[in-house]
C-alpha atoms as a PDB file:
ATOM      1  CA  MET A   1     -15.297  24.329   7.536  1.00  0.00           C
ATOM      2  CA  SER A   2     -14.108  21.873  10.186  1.00  0.00           C
ATOM      3  CA  LYS A   3     -10.630  20.414  10.104  1.00  0.00           C
ATOM      4  CA  PRO A   4     -10.294  18.059   7.127  1.00  0.00           C
ATOM      5  CA  ASN A   5      -9.948  14.341   7.655  1.00  0.00           C
ATOM      6  CA  LEU A   6      -7.017  12.464   6.130  1.00  0.00           C
ATOM      7  CA  LEU A   7      -7.332   9.075   4.434  1.00  0.00           C
ATOM      8  CA  PHE A   8      -3.830   7.937   3.462  1.00  0.00           C
ATOM      9  CA  VAL A   9      -3.989   4.718   1.435  1.00  0.00           C
ATOM     10  CA  PHE A  10      -0.860   2.963   0.261  1.00  0.00           C
ATOM     11  CA  SER A  11      -0.201  -0.397  -1.315  1.00  0.00           C
ATOM     12  CA  ASP A  12       3.003  -2.418  -1.345  1.00  0.00           C
ATOM     13  CA  GLN A  13       5.270  -2.541  -4.402  1.00  0.00           C
ATOM     14  CA  HIS A  14       2.976  -0.740  -6.857  1.00  0.00           C
ATOM     15  CA  ARG A  15       5.044   0.921  -9.559  1.00  0.00           C
ATOM     16  CA  TRP A  16       3.672   4.077 -11.141  1.00  0.00           C
ATOM     17  CA  CYS A  17       3.226   2.764 -14.692  1.00  0.00           C
ATOM     18  CA  ASP A  18       0.687   0.113 -13.740  1.00  0.00           C
ATOM     19  CA  LEU A  19      -2.503   2.141 -13.512  1.00  0.00           C
ATOM     20  CA  GLY A  20      -4.771   3.253 -16.323  1.00  0.00           C
ATOM     21  CA  CYS A  21      -4.431   6.893 -15.253  1.00  0.00           C
ATOM     22  CA  TYR A  22      -0.655   6.604 -15.732  1.00  0.00           C
ATOM     23  CA  GLY A  23      -1.040   5.258 -19.258  1.00  0.00           C
ATOM     24  CA  ASN A  24      -1.174   1.487 -18.796  1.00  0.00           C
ATOM     25  CA  PRO A  25      -3.523   0.169 -21.531  1.00  0.00           C
ATOM     26  CA  VAL A  26      -4.104  -3.247 -19.957  1.00  0.00           C
ATOM     27  CA  VAL A  27      -4.555  -2.947 -16.189  1.00  0.00           C
ATOM     28  CA  LYS A  28      -8.175  -2.415 -15.126  1.00  0.00           C
ATOM     29  CA  SER A  29      -8.356   0.362 -12.523  1.00  0.00           C
ATOM     30  CA  PRO A  30     -11.604   2.266 -13.177  1.00  0.00           C
ATOM     31  CA  ARG A  31     -12.145   3.688  -9.675  1.00  0.00           C
ATOM     32  CA  LEU A  32      -8.596   4.956  -9.262  1.00  0.00           C
ATOM     33  CA  ASP A  33      -8.642   6.341 -12.804  1.00  0.00           C
ATOM     34  CA  ALA A  34     -11.883   8.241 -12.168  1.00  0.00           C
ATOM     35  CA  PHE A  35     -10.486   9.465  -8.856  1.00  0.00           C
ATOM     36  CA  ALA A  36      -7.294  10.665 -10.550  1.00  0.00           C
ATOM     37  CA  ALA A  37      -9.304  12.555 -13.163  1.00  0.00           C
ATOM     38  CA  LYS A  38     -10.633  14.919 -10.487  1.00  0.00           C
ATOM     39  CA  ALA A  39      -7.564  14.858  -8.251  1.00  0.00           C
ATOM     40  CA  LEU A  40      -3.950  15.982  -8.494  1.00  0.00           C
ATOM     41  CA  ARG A  41      -1.891  13.256 -10.172  1.00  0.00           C
ATOM     42  CA  PHE A  42       1.859  13.532  -9.664  1.00  0.00           C
ATOM     43  CA  GLU A  43       4.127  12.452 -12.525  1.00  0.00           C
ATOM     44  CA  HIS A  44       7.377  12.089 -10.572  1.00  0.00           C
ATOM     45  CA  CYS A  45       6.865  10.647  -7.088  1.00  0.00           C
ATOM     46  CA  ILE A  46      10.098   8.950  -6.036  1.00  0.00           C
ATOM     47  CA  SER A  47      10.576   6.542  -3.130  1.00  0.00           C
ATOM     48  CA  ASN A  48      13.626   7.782  -1.264  1.00  0.00           C
ATOM     49  CA  SER A  49      14.463   4.214  -0.277  1.00  0.00           C
ATOM     50  CA  PRO A  50      12.824   1.583  -2.503  1.00  0.00           C
ATOM     51  CA  LEU A  51      12.459  -1.141   0.120  1.00  0.00           C
ATOM     52  CA  CYS A  52       9.449  -1.861   2.331  1.00  0.00           C
ATOM     53  CA  VAL A  53      10.709  -1.027   5.820  1.00  0.00           C
ATOM     54  CA  PRO A  54      12.806   2.108   5.236  1.00  0.00           C
ATOM     55  CA  ALA A  55      10.230   3.580   2.840  1.00  0.00           C
ATOM     56  CA  ARG A  56       7.390   3.063   5.323  1.00  0.00           C
ATOM     57  CA  GLY A  57       9.401   4.582   8.149  1.00  0.00           C
ATOM     58  CA  SER A  58      10.093   7.657   6.034  1.00  0.00           C
ATOM     59  CA  MET A  59       6.457   8.060   4.976  1.00  0.00           C
ATOM     60  CA  LEU A  60       5.280   8.036   8.589  1.00  0.00           C
ATOM     61  CA  THR A  61       8.036  10.197  10.097  1.00  0.00           C
ATOM     62  CA  GLY A  62       9.356  12.457   7.329  1.00  0.00           C
ATOM     63  CA  LEU A  63      12.857  11.274   8.199  1.00  0.00           C
ATOM     64  CA  LEU A  64      15.453   9.582   6.045  1.00  0.00           C
ATOM     65  CA  PRO A  65      16.098   5.926   6.964  1.00  0.00           C
ATOM     66  CA  MET A  66      19.379   6.570   8.773  1.00  0.00           C
ATOM     67  CA  LYS A  67      17.482   8.982  11.031  1.00  0.00           C
ATOM     68  CA  HIS A  68      14.505   6.769  11.875  1.00  0.00           C
ATOM     69  CA  ARG A  69      16.888   3.767  12.057  1.00  0.00           C
ATOM     70  CA  ALA A  70      14.723   1.255  10.133  1.00  0.00           C
ATOM     71  CA  ALA A  71      17.254   1.385   7.309  1.00  0.00           C
ATOM     72  CA  ALA A  72      16.733  -2.172   6.039  1.00  0.00           C
ATOM     73  CA  ASN A  73      14.047  -4.827   6.154  1.00  0.00           C
ATOM     74  CA  ASP A  74      13.530  -6.269   9.645  1.00  0.00           C
ATOM     75  CA  LEU A  75      15.379  -3.441  11.401  1.00  0.00           C
ATOM     76  CA  PRO A  76      12.932  -1.891  13.914  1.00  0.00           C
ATOM     77  CA  ILE A  77      12.123   1.793  13.766  1.00  0.00           C
ATOM     78  CA  ASP A  78      13.375   4.096  16.531  1.00  0.00           C
ATOM     79  CA  THR A  79      10.290   4.323  18.756  1.00  0.00           C
ATOM     80  CA  GLU A  80      11.371   7.733  20.072  1.00  0.00           C
ATOM     81  CA  VAL A  81      10.820   9.482  16.728  1.00  0.00           C
ATOM     82  CA  GLU A  82       7.838  11.742  16.109  1.00  0.00           C
ATOM     83  CA  SER A  83       5.339  10.464  13.567  1.00  0.00           C
ATOM     84  CA  ILE A  84       2.400  11.825  11.639  1.00  0.00           C
ATOM     85  CA  ALA A  85       0.136  10.202  14.258  1.00  0.00           C
ATOM     86  CA  HIS A  86       1.701  12.256  17.057  1.00  0.00           C
ATOM     87  CA  LEU A  87       1.156  15.484  15.134  1.00  0.00           C
ATOM     88  CA  PHE A  88      -2.466  14.712  14.271  1.00  0.00           C
ATOM     89  CA  ALA A  89      -3.225  13.696  17.860  1.00  0.00           C
ATOM     90  CA  GLN A  90      -1.819  17.021  19.076  1.00  0.00           C
ATOM     91  CA  ALA A  91      -4.226  18.738  16.684  1.00  0.00           C
ATOM     92  CA  GLY A  92      -7.229  16.901  18.145  1.00  0.00           C
ATOM     93  CA  TYR A  93      -7.557  14.119  15.579  1.00  0.00           C
ATOM     94  CA  ARG A  94      -8.503  10.494  16.126  1.00  0.00           C
ATOM     95  CA  THR A  95      -5.735   8.411  14.521  1.00  0.00           C
ATOM     96  CA  GLY A  96      -5.734   4.879  13.187  1.00  0.00           C
ATOM     97  CA  TYR A  97      -3.516   2.418  11.372  1.00  0.00           C
ATOM     98  CA  ILE A  98      -4.870  -0.621   9.528  1.00  0.00           C
ATOM     99  CA  GLY A  99      -2.942  -3.245   7.572  1.00  0.00           C
ATOM    100  CA  LYS A 100       0.691  -4.113   7.036  1.00  0.00           C
ATOM    101  CA  TRP A 101       3.090  -2.475   9.532  1.00  0.00           C
ATOM    102  CA  HIS A 102       6.550  -4.027   9.009  1.00  0.00           C
ATOM    103  CA  LEU A 103       8.360  -1.606  11.346  1.00  0.00           C
ATOM    104  CA  ALA A 104       8.731  -3.694  14.505  1.00  0.00           C
ATOM    105  CA  GLY A 105      11.724  -5.835  13.537  1.00  0.00           C
ATOM    106  CA  VAL A 106      11.691  -9.583  14.061  1.00  0.00           C
ATOM    107  CA  PRO A 107       9.983 -11.907  14.517  1.00  0.00           C
ATOM    108  CA  ARG A 108       7.673 -10.604  11.816  1.00  0.00           C
ATOM    109  CA  ILE A 109       4.593 -12.478  13.024  1.00  0.00           C
ATOM    110  CA  ARG A 110       3.752 -10.994  16.415  1.00  0.00           C
ATOM    111  CA  ALA A 111       1.768  -8.256  18.097  1.00  0.00           C
ATOM    112  CA  VAL A 112       3.198  -4.761  18.490  1.00  0.00           C
ATOM    113  CA  PRO A 113       2.516  -3.967  22.158  1.00  0.00           C
ATOM    114  CA  ARG A 114       0.656  -0.835  23.157  1.00  0.00           C
ATOM    115  CA  GLY A 115       3.070   2.034  23.682  1.00  0.00           C
ATOM    116  CA  LYS A 116       5.811   3.729  21.707  1.00  0.00           C
ATOM    117  CA  GLY A 117       6.158   0.889  19.206  1.00  0.00           C
ATOM    118  CA  ARG A 118       2.924   1.988  17.518  1.00  0.00           C
ATOM    119  CA  LEU A 119       4.305   5.502  16.869  1.00  0.00           C
ATOM    120  CA  GLY A 120       1.296   7.195  18.414  1.00  0.00           C
ATOM    121  CA  PHE A 121      -1.517   5.532  16.468  1.00  0.00           C
ATOM    122  CA  GLU A 122      -4.607   5.016  18.628  1.00  0.00           C
ATOM    123  CA  GLU A 123      -6.842   2.629  16.708  1.00  0.00           C
ATOM    124  CA  TRP A 124      -4.764  -0.347  15.659  1.00  0.00           C
ATOM    125  CA  LYS A 125      -5.616  -3.256  13.358  1.00  0.00           C
ATOM    126  CA  VAL A 126      -2.233  -4.495  12.163  1.00  0.00           C
ATOM    127  CA  SER A 127      -1.376  -7.610  10.192  1.00  0.00           C
ATOM    128  CA  SER A 128       1.744  -9.707  10.300  1.00  0.00           C
ATOM    129  CA  VAL A 129       4.309  -9.590   7.530  1.00  0.00           C
ATOM    130  CA  ALA A 130       3.918 -13.097   6.156  1.00  0.00           C
ATOM    131  CA  HIS A 131       3.633 -12.093   2.479  1.00  0.00           C
ATOM    132  CA  GLY A 132       0.581 -14.179   1.954  1.00  0.00           C
ATOM    133  CA  HIS A 133      -2.573 -12.345   0.972  1.00  0.00           C
ATOM    134  CA  SER A 134      -5.131 -14.984   1.892  1.00  0.00           C
ATOM    135  CA  ASN A 135      -6.128 -16.426   5.265  1.00  0.00           C
ATOM    136  CA  SER A 136      -3.912 -14.187   7.394  1.00  0.00           C
ATOM    137  CA  ALA A 137      -4.640 -12.398  10.688  1.00  0.00           C
ATOM    138  CA  TYR A 138      -4.442  -9.019  12.391  1.00  0.00           C
ATOM    139  CA  PHE A 139      -3.807  -7.843  15.945  1.00  0.00           C
ATOM    140  CA  ASP A 140      -6.037  -5.230  17.575  1.00  0.00           C
ATOM    141  CA  GLU A 141      -5.399  -2.520  20.174  1.00  0.00           C
ATOM    142  CA  ASN A 142      -5.330  -5.142  22.957  1.00  0.00           C
ATOM    143  CA  ASP A 143      -2.938  -7.508  21.126  1.00  0.00           C
ATOM    144  CA  VAL A 144      -5.770  -9.938  20.416  1.00  0.00           C
ATOM    145  CA  CYS A 145      -5.206 -11.898  17.206  1.00  0.00           C
ATOM    146  CA  HIS A 146      -8.123 -12.065  14.755  1.00  0.00           C
ATOM    147  CA  PRO A 147      -7.965 -14.539  11.846  1.00  0.00           C
ATOM    148  CA  ILE A 148      -8.789 -13.179   8.391  1.00  0.00           C
ATOM    149  CA  GLU A 149     -10.590 -15.581   6.106  1.00  0.00           C
ATOM    150  CA  GLY A 150     -10.102 -14.923   2.420  1.00  0.00           C
ATOM    151  CA  TYR A 151      -8.385 -12.012   0.694  1.00  0.00           C
ATOM    152  CA  GLU A 152      -6.699  -9.798   3.266  1.00  0.00           C
ATOM    153  CA  PRO A 153      -7.268  -6.369   1.603  1.00  0.00           C
ATOM    154  CA  ILE A 154     -11.035  -6.884   1.713  1.00  0.00           C
ATOM    155  CA  LYS A 155     -10.955  -7.267   5.503  1.00  0.00           C
ATOM    156  CA  HIS A 156      -8.558  -4.344   5.881  1.00  0.00           C
ATOM    157  CA  THR A 157     -10.973  -2.228   3.854  1.00  0.00           C
ATOM    158  CA  ASP A 158     -13.899  -3.432   5.980  1.00  0.00           C
ATOM    159  CA  LEU A 159     -12.022  -2.265   9.077  1.00  0.00           C
ATOM    160  CA  ALA A 160     -11.222   1.087   7.449  1.00  0.00           C
ATOM    161  CA  ILE A 161     -14.874   1.644   6.565  1.00  0.00           C
ATOM    162  CA  GLU A 162     -15.862   0.859  10.161  1.00  0.00           C
ATOM    163  CA  PHE A 163     -13.326   3.472  11.316  1.00  0.00           C
ATOM    164  CA  ILE A 164     -14.712   6.059   8.875  1.00  0.00           C
ATOM    165  CA  GLU A 165     -18.307   5.429   9.957  1.00  0.00           C
ATOM    166  CA  ARG A 166     -17.524   5.376  13.674  1.00  0.00           C
ATOM    167  CA  ASN A 167     -15.471   8.582  13.785  1.00  0.00           C
ATOM    168  CA  ARG A 168     -17.603  10.849  11.618  1.00  0.00           C
ATOM    169  CA  GLU A 169     -18.271  13.300  14.471  1.00  0.00           C
ATOM    170  CA  ARG A 170     -14.626  14.335  14.933  1.00  0.00           C
ATOM    171  CA  PRO A 171     -11.638  14.898  12.651  1.00  0.00           C
ATOM    172  CA  TRP A 172      -9.639  11.758  11.970  1.00  0.00           C
ATOM    173  CA  ALA A 173      -6.479  10.597  10.224  1.00  0.00           C
ATOM    174  CA  LEU A 174      -6.316   7.012   8.996  1.00  0.00           C
ATOM    175  CA  CYS A 175      -3.442   5.130   7.352  1.00  0.00           C
ATOM    176  CA  LEU A 176      -4.567   2.059   5.405  1.00  0.00           C
ATOM    177  CA  SER A 177      -1.699  -0.178   4.286  1.00  0.00           C
ATOM    178  CA  TRP A 178      -2.547  -2.939   1.786  1.00  0.00           C
ATOM    179  CA  GLY A 179      -0.126  -5.859   1.279  1.00  0.00           C
ATOM    180  CA  PRO A 180      -0.584  -6.408  -2.512  1.00  0.00           C
ATOM    181  CA  PRO A 181       0.403  -6.109  -5.298  1.00  0.00           C
ATOM    182  CA  HIS A 182       3.624  -7.369  -3.649  1.00  0.00           C
ATOM    183  CA  ASP A 183       4.328 -11.006  -4.507  1.00  0.00           C
ATOM    184  CA  PRO A 184       3.050 -13.714  -4.228  1.00  0.00           C
ATOM    185  CA  TYR A 185       1.508 -12.346  -7.403  1.00  0.00           C
ATOM    186  CA  HIS A 186      -1.094 -15.063  -7.844  1.00  0.00           C
ATOM    187  CA  ASP A 187      -2.429 -15.126  -4.279  1.00  0.00           C
ATOM    188  CA  VAL A 188      -5.525 -13.235  -5.391  1.00  0.00           C
ATOM    189  CA  PRO A 189      -9.166 -14.326  -5.831  1.00  0.00           C
ATOM    190  CA  ASP A 190      -9.903 -16.133  -9.092  1.00  0.00           C
ATOM    191  CA  GLU A 191     -12.449 -13.543 -10.217  1.00  0.00           C
ATOM    192  CA  TYR A 192      -9.632 -11.012 -10.659  1.00  0.00           C
ATOM    193  CA  LYS A 193      -7.160 -13.446 -12.201  1.00  0.00           C
ATOM    194  CA  GLU A 194      -9.758 -14.418 -14.795  1.00  0.00           C
ATOM    195  CA  LEU A 195      -9.818 -10.824 -16.056  1.00  0.00           C
ATOM    196  CA  TYR A 196      -6.259 -11.238 -17.362  1.00  0.00           C
ATOM    197  CA  ALA A 197      -6.117 -14.948 -18.179  1.00  0.00           C
ATOM    198  CA  GLU A 198      -6.423 -14.461 -21.945  1.00  0.00           C
ATOM    199  CA  VAL A 199      -4.978 -10.951 -22.195  1.00  0.00           C
ATOM    200  CA  ASP A 200      -1.779 -10.266 -24.104  1.00  0.00           C
ATOM    201  CA  ILE A 201       0.504  -8.573 -21.562  1.00  0.00           C
ATOM    202  CA  PRO A 202       2.946  -6.099 -23.130  1.00  0.00           C
ATOM    203  CA  LEU A 203       6.274  -5.793 -21.317  1.00  0.00           C
ATOM    204  CA  ARG A 204       8.266  -2.637 -20.855  1.00  0.00           C
ATOM    205  CA  PRO A 205      10.791  -2.161 -23.686  1.00  0.00           C
ATOM    206  CA  ASN A 206      13.729  -2.562 -21.308  1.00  0.00           C
ATOM    207  CA  VAL A 207      12.871  -6.190 -20.429  1.00  0.00           C
ATOM    208  CA  PRO A 208      15.481  -8.488 -22.038  1.00  0.00           C
ATOM    209  CA  GLU A 209      15.100 -12.124 -23.047  1.00  0.00           C
ATOM    210  CA  ARG A 210      16.680 -13.462 -19.838  1.00  0.00           C
ATOM    211  CA  ILE A 211      16.063 -11.995 -16.389  1.00  0.00           C
ATOM    212  CA  ASP A 212      18.187 -12.532 -13.295  1.00  0.00           C
ATOM    213  CA  ALA A 213      15.812 -13.696 -10.554  1.00  0.00           C
ATOM    214  CA  GLY A 214      18.544 -14.256  -7.968  1.00  0.00           C
ATOM    215  CA  ARG A 215      20.019 -17.440  -6.500  1.00  0.00           C
ATOM    216  CA  ASN A 216      21.072 -18.546  -9.973  1.00  0.00           C
ATOM    217  CA  ALA A 217      17.457 -18.508 -11.189  1.00  0.00           C
ATOM    218  CA  VAL A 218      16.634 -17.131 -14.630  1.00  0.00           C
ATOM    219  CA  LEU A 219      13.201 -16.056 -15.868  1.00  0.00           C
ATOM    220  CA  SER A 220      11.946 -15.643 -19.413  1.00  0.00           C
ATOM    221  CA  ARG A 221       9.813 -12.853 -20.821  1.00  0.00           C
ATOM    222  CA  GLU A 222       6.879 -15.290 -20.808  1.00  0.00           C
ATOM    223  CA  GLN A 223       7.315 -15.843 -17.073  1.00  0.00           C
ATOM    224  CA  ILE A 224       7.393 -12.083 -16.489  1.00  0.00           C
ATOM    225  CA  ALA A 225       4.110 -11.740 -18.393  1.00  0.00           C
ATOM    226  CA  HIS A 226       2.665 -14.528 -16.239  1.00  0.00           C
ATOM    227  CA  ASN A 227       3.717 -12.671 -13.078  1.00  0.00           C
ATOM    228  CA  LEU A 228       2.192  -9.456 -14.378  1.00  0.00           C
ATOM    229  CA  ARG A 229      -1.172 -11.156 -14.866  1.00  0.00           C
ATOM    230  CA  GLY A 230      -1.300 -11.801 -11.124  1.00  0.00           C
ATOM    231  CA  TYR A 231       0.156  -8.377 -10.311  1.00  0.00           C
ATOM    232  CA  TYR A 232      -2.529  -6.683 -12.402  1.00  0.00           C
ATOM    233  CA  ALA A 233      -5.196  -8.869 -10.802  1.00  0.00           C
ATOM    234  CA  HIS A 234      -4.091  -7.573  -7.387  1.00  0.00           C
ATOM    235  CA  ILE A 235      -4.249  -3.977  -8.640  1.00  0.00           C
ATOM    236  CA  THR A 236      -7.781  -4.471  -9.946  1.00  0.00           C
ATOM    237  CA  ALA A 237      -8.812  -6.010  -6.622  1.00  0.00           C
ATOM    238  CA  LEU A 238      -7.343  -3.026  -4.760  1.00  0.00           C
ATOM    239  CA  ASP A 239      -9.058  -0.650  -7.174  1.00  0.00           C
ATOM    240  CA  GLU A 240     -12.397  -2.166  -6.182  1.00  0.00           C
ATOM    241  CA  GLN A 241     -11.560  -1.747  -2.489  1.00  0.00           C
ATOM    242  CA  PHE A 242     -10.526   1.857  -3.076  1.00  0.00           C
ATOM    243  CA  GLY A 243     -13.941   2.447  -4.612  1.00  0.00           C
ATOM    244  CA  ARG A 244     -15.580   1.047  -1.492  1.00  0.00           C
ATOM    245  CA  LEU A 245     -13.681   3.613   0.601  1.00  0.00           C
ATOM    246  CA  LEU A 246     -14.869   6.479  -1.595  1.00  0.00           C
ATOM    247  CA  ASP A 247     -18.440   5.171  -1.412  1.00  0.00           C
ATOM    248  CA  ALA A 248     -18.244   5.054   2.400  1.00  0.00           C
ATOM    249  CA  LEU A 249     -16.999   8.645   2.561  1.00  0.00           C
ATOM    250  CA  GLU A 250     -19.816   9.797   0.276  1.00  0.00           C
ATOM    251  CA  ARG A 251     -22.449   7.778   2.127  1.00  0.00           C
ATOM    252  CA  THR A 252     -21.435   9.294   5.471  1.00  0.00           C
ATOM    253  CA  GLY A 253     -21.215  12.842   4.138  1.00  0.00           C
ATOM    254  CA  GLN A 254     -17.447  13.065   4.663  1.00  0.00           C
ATOM    255  CA  LEU A 255     -16.145  13.035   1.092  1.00  0.00           C
ATOM    256  CA  ARG A 256     -16.013  16.816   0.677  1.00  0.00           C
ATOM    257  CA  ASN A 257     -13.987  17.296   3.856  1.00  0.00           C
ATOM    258  CA  THR A 258     -11.462  14.467   3.535  1.00  0.00           C
ATOM    259  CA  ILE A 259      -8.008  14.719   1.997  1.00  0.00           C
ATOM    260  CA  ILE A 260      -7.488  11.409   0.178  1.00  0.00           C
ATOM    261  CA  VAL A 261      -4.059  10.143  -0.853  1.00  0.00           C
ATOM    262  CA  TYR A 262      -3.141   7.060  -2.846  1.00  0.00           C
ATOM    263  CA  THR A 263       0.503   6.025  -3.221  1.00  0.00           C
ATOM    264  CA  SER A 264       2.914   3.135  -2.619  1.00  0.00           C
ATOM    265  CA  ASP A 265       6.185   2.515  -0.805  1.00  0.00           C
ATOM    266  CA  HIS A 266       8.184   1.498  -3.907  1.00  0.00           C
ATOM    267  CA  GLY A 267       7.869  -0.205  -7.258  1.00  0.00           C
ATOM    268  CA  ASP A 268       8.762  -3.559  -8.817  1.00  0.00           C
ATOM    269  CA  MET A 269      11.309  -4.228 -11.567  1.00  0.00           C
ATOM    270  CA  HIS A 270       9.339  -7.062 -13.210  1.00  0.00           C
ATOM    271  CA  GLY A 271      12.252  -7.889 -15.511  1.00  0.00           C
ATOM    272  CA  SER A 272      13.190  -4.347 -16.504  1.00  0.00           C
ATOM    273  CA  GLN A 273      16.940  -3.961 -17.014  1.00  0.00           C
ATOM    274  CA  GLY A 274      17.117  -7.734 -16.466  1.00  0.00           C
ATOM    275  CA  TYR A 275      16.182  -7.658 -12.764  1.00  0.00           C
ATOM    276  CA  MET A 276      13.383  -8.591 -10.393  1.00  0.00           C
ATOM    277  CA  ASN A 277      12.130  -7.026  -7.143  1.00  0.00           C
ATOM    278  CA  LYS A 278      13.228  -3.513  -6.083  1.00  0.00           C
ATOM    279  CA  GLN A 279      16.133  -1.815  -4.207  1.00  0.00           C
ATOM    280  CA  LEU A 280      17.597  -0.587  -7.489  1.00  0.00           C
ATOM    281  CA  PRO A 281      17.957   2.996  -8.814  1.00  0.00           C
ATOM    282  CA  TYR A 282      15.760   2.413 -11.876  1.00  0.00           C
ATOM    283  CA  GLU A 283      12.386   4.088 -12.256  1.00  0.00           C
ATOM    284  CA  GLU A 284      10.511   0.765 -12.177  1.00  0.00           C
ATOM    285  CA  SER A 285      11.834   0.387  -8.620  1.00  0.00           C
ATOM    286  CA  VAL A 286      11.759   3.952  -7.305  1.00  0.00           C
ATOM    287  CA  LYS A 287       8.830   5.625  -9.083  1.00  0.00           C
ATOM    288  CA  VAL A 288       5.369   5.222  -7.562  1.00  0.00           C
ATOM    289  CA  PRO A 289       1.869   6.602  -8.134  1.00  0.00           C
ATOM    290  CA  LEU A 290       0.798   9.586  -6.072  1.00  0.00           C
ATOM    291  CA  VAL A 291      -2.735  10.932  -6.372  1.00  0.00           C
ATOM    292  CA  ILE A 292      -4.154  13.480  -3.916  1.00  0.00           C
ATOM    293  CA  PHE A 293      -7.709  14.808  -3.692  1.00  0.00           C
ATOM    294  CA  TRP A 294      -9.412  17.469  -1.570  1.00  0.00           C
ATOM    295  CA  ASP A 295     -12.696  18.883  -2.769  1.00  0.00           C
ATOM    296  CA  GLY A 296     -12.218  22.375  -4.179  1.00  0.00           C
END
């Protein structure tokens, strides 16, 4: 058998309890659930730093945030560190990174020039960190900006499928980083929002009547349920894109020799313990899905 490919797919702010395969009775995630049924599903995957930038730096380097230096949002990563891309390249792999990067500091909306700032990734289709999921853009290997019309994860998945099809003759390692289900929760195509419009959304039992949303803002349980409708819509949209990736691997004869990983950088409180967002030592913030598959 030739060296296995690696498809490492991770979303932003997807807590572990919001997939069908992790026991959520409402969220619609049929492709990920079917994938998990034949894969290894981890029950206790913990983000060692539940915030976008430090968590991403640690996933790519294996270092704790104080070692890779991107210890808070908008702090740039130390470009001298060794990453997973360096190691795969040394082993003869074609490497690629597609989607949200968030490791180059500020300003957030700019190209990451060719060189050490890309941590060794060769193919490069990286979006800005604007936290909007529609009508964004990505920069390619030559720092050319390409507008994205419509829902960003669809285009990122298109680019990933092109990578998979183009590199089938050699081993490859691809990181695909989706921006959702991070807020804005309702910046998702209507077809997915409609799936949850009339659904009763149960909240976790540790969500109180009043939730601190920061800056003296207070949310109700009804507002949390409203947010979750959009959050679940994003997850269902990503589930469909994940299915497209699996279909591309099968169509190109690469499914049996590709290690496939799905995870996230951190979770989302969604009102649990009376809080929003992440950065807190509660499982809604630190616990993420982790599902790994390799045939046989």
